């Protein structure tokens, strides 16, 4: 588990930009910067809330991965939100989903 050696992929870059443009409190850490047990979330909340966002690629993640990841992060006291890469085609819906998550 090396730290900082993985560059974000295109969907992650799109989400990084969306978060920055809308001043949402999340930082990309999918490069190995943060580990919760044996899992490296894609994004972590930067304002003190124990929240992570996972960006799932359709090809790489079966639907049942969602519950497994959420349960894993829950064991560490973190809430998690999964965004599927095809959701990025409608950025306003993604923003609404993230804003709702931040308020929870």
Protein backbone atom coordinates (compact mmCIF):
# COMPACT_ATOMS: atom_id res chain seq x y z
CA UNK A 1 0.00 0.00 0.00
CA UNK A 2 2.06 2.86 -1.27
CA UNK A 3 1.10 6.41 -0.54
CA UNK A 4 0.53 9.01 -3.24
CA UNK A 5 1.48 6.93 -6.26
CA UNK A 6 -1.84 6.72 -8.09
CA UNK A 7 -3.15 9.50 -10.30
CA UNK A 8 -6.90 10.12 -10.48
CA UNK A 9 -8.71 8.70 -13.49
CA UNK A 10 -11.02 10.74 -15.75
CA UNK A 11 -14.22 10.25 -13.69
CA UNK A 12 -12.30 11.10 -10.50
CA UNK A 13 -10.90 14.25 -12.13
CA UNK A 14 -14.44 15.24 -13.15
CA UNK A 15 -15.61 14.80 -9.55
CA UNK A 16 -12.56 16.64 -8.17
CA UNK A 17 -13.44 19.58 -10.43
CA UNK A 18 -17.14 19.46 -9.52
CA UNK A 19 -16.34 19.45 -5.80
CA UNK A 20 -13.87 22.35 -6.14
CA UNK A 21 -16.16 24.46 -8.34
CA UNK A 22 -18.93 24.14 -5.76
CA UNK A 23 -16.79 24.53 -2.63
CA UNK A 24 -17.77 21.14 -1.27
CA UNK A 25 -15.59 19.91 1.61
CA UNK A 26 -14.03 16.81 0.07
CA UNK A 27 -10.46 16.00 -0.93
CA UNK A 28 -9.28 13.31 -3.31
CA UNK A 29 -7.37 10.68 -1.33
CA UNK A 30 -7.72 7.76 -3.74
CA UNK A 31 -3.97 7.98 -4.29
CA UNK A 32 -3.36 6.04 -1.08
CA UNK A 33 -3.15 9.07 1.20
CA UNK A 34 -5.85 7.77 3.58
CA UNK A 35 -6.57 4.18 4.55
CA UNK A 36 -9.42 2.97 6.72
CA UNK A 37 -8.39 -0.56 7.53
CA UNK A 38 -7.57 -2.20 4.22
CA UNK A 39 -9.63 0.22 2.11
CA UNK A 40 -8.61 3.47 0.48
CA UNK A 41 -11.61 5.77 -0.09
CA UNK A 42 -11.65 8.03 -3.13
CA UNK A 43 -12.61 11.23 -1.27
CA UNK A 44 -12.73 12.27 2.39
CA UNK A 45 -14.57 15.11 4.10
CA UNK A 46 -12.21 17.94 5.07
CA UNK A 47 -14.40 19.79 7.57
CA UNK A 48 -14.25 17.28 10.40
CA UNK A 49 -17.17 15.03 9.52
CA UNK A 50 -16.43 11.34 9.24
CA UNK A 51 -17.63 11.01 5.66
CA UNK A 52 -16.14 9.43 2.55
CA UNK A 53 -17.21 9.30 -1.07
CA UNK A 54 -16.51 6.34 -3.33
CA UNK A 55 -16.72 6.82 -7.09
CA UNK A 56 -17.60 3.49 -8.66
CA UNK A 57 -16.88 2.63 -12.26
CA UNK A 58 -19.59 0.51 -13.85
CA UNK A 59 -17.05 -1.95 -15.25
CA UNK A 60 -15.08 -2.38 -12.02
CA UNK A 61 -17.75 -2.51 -9.32
CA UNK A 62 -20.71 -4.86 -9.10
CA UNK A 63 -23.79 -3.50 -7.33
CA UNK A 64 -23.19 -5.67 -4.24
CA UNK A 65 -19.91 -3.78 -3.64
CA UNK A 66 -21.95 -0.84 -2.30
CA UNK A 67 -23.19 -2.57 0.85
CA UNK A 68 -19.78 -4.16 1.52
CA UNK A 69 -17.97 -0.82 1.27
CA UNK A 70 -20.57 1.01 3.36
CA UNK A 71 -20.38 -1.61 6.10
CA UNK A 72 -16.59 -1.47 6.08
CA UNK A 73 -16.52 2.31 6.53
CA UNK A 74 -19.30 2.14 9.13
CA UNK A 75 -17.00 -0.07 11.26
CA UNK A 76 -14.60 2.88 11.39
CA UNK A 77 -17.36 5.37 12.24
CA UNK A 78 -17.60 6.82 8.72
CA UNK A 79 -20.66 7.51 6.63
CA UNK A 80 -20.13 6.72 2.96
CA UNK A 81 -21.70 7.84 -0.27
CA UNK A 82 -21.34 5.93 -3.52
CA UNK A 83 -21.50 7.80 -6.80
CA UNK A 84 -21.55 5.76 -10.00
CA UNK A 85 -19.47 7.12 -12.87
CA UNK A 86 -22.50 7.36 -15.18
CA UNK A 87 -24.16 9.71 -12.67
CA UNK A 88 -21.50 12.29 -13.57
CA UNK A 89 -23.36 12.81 -16.85
CA UNK A 90 -25.87 14.81 -14.75
CA UNK A 91 -23.68 16.97 -12.49
CA UNK A 92 -26.62 18.81 -10.90
CA UNK A 93 -28.01 15.52 -9.60
CA UNK A 94 -24.59 14.55 -8.26
CA UNK A 95 -24.30 17.93 -6.52
CA UNK A 96 -27.73 17.50 -4.93
CA UNK A 97 -26.77 14.02 -3.75
CA UNK A 98 -23.50 15.25 -2.22
CA UNK A 99 -25.10 18.30 -0.59
CA UNK A 100 -27.73 16.07 0.99
CA UNK A 101 -24.98 13.74 2.21
CA UNK A 102 -23.00 16.62 3.76
CA UNK A 103 -26.11 17.76 5.65
CA UNK A 104 -26.78 14.27 7.08
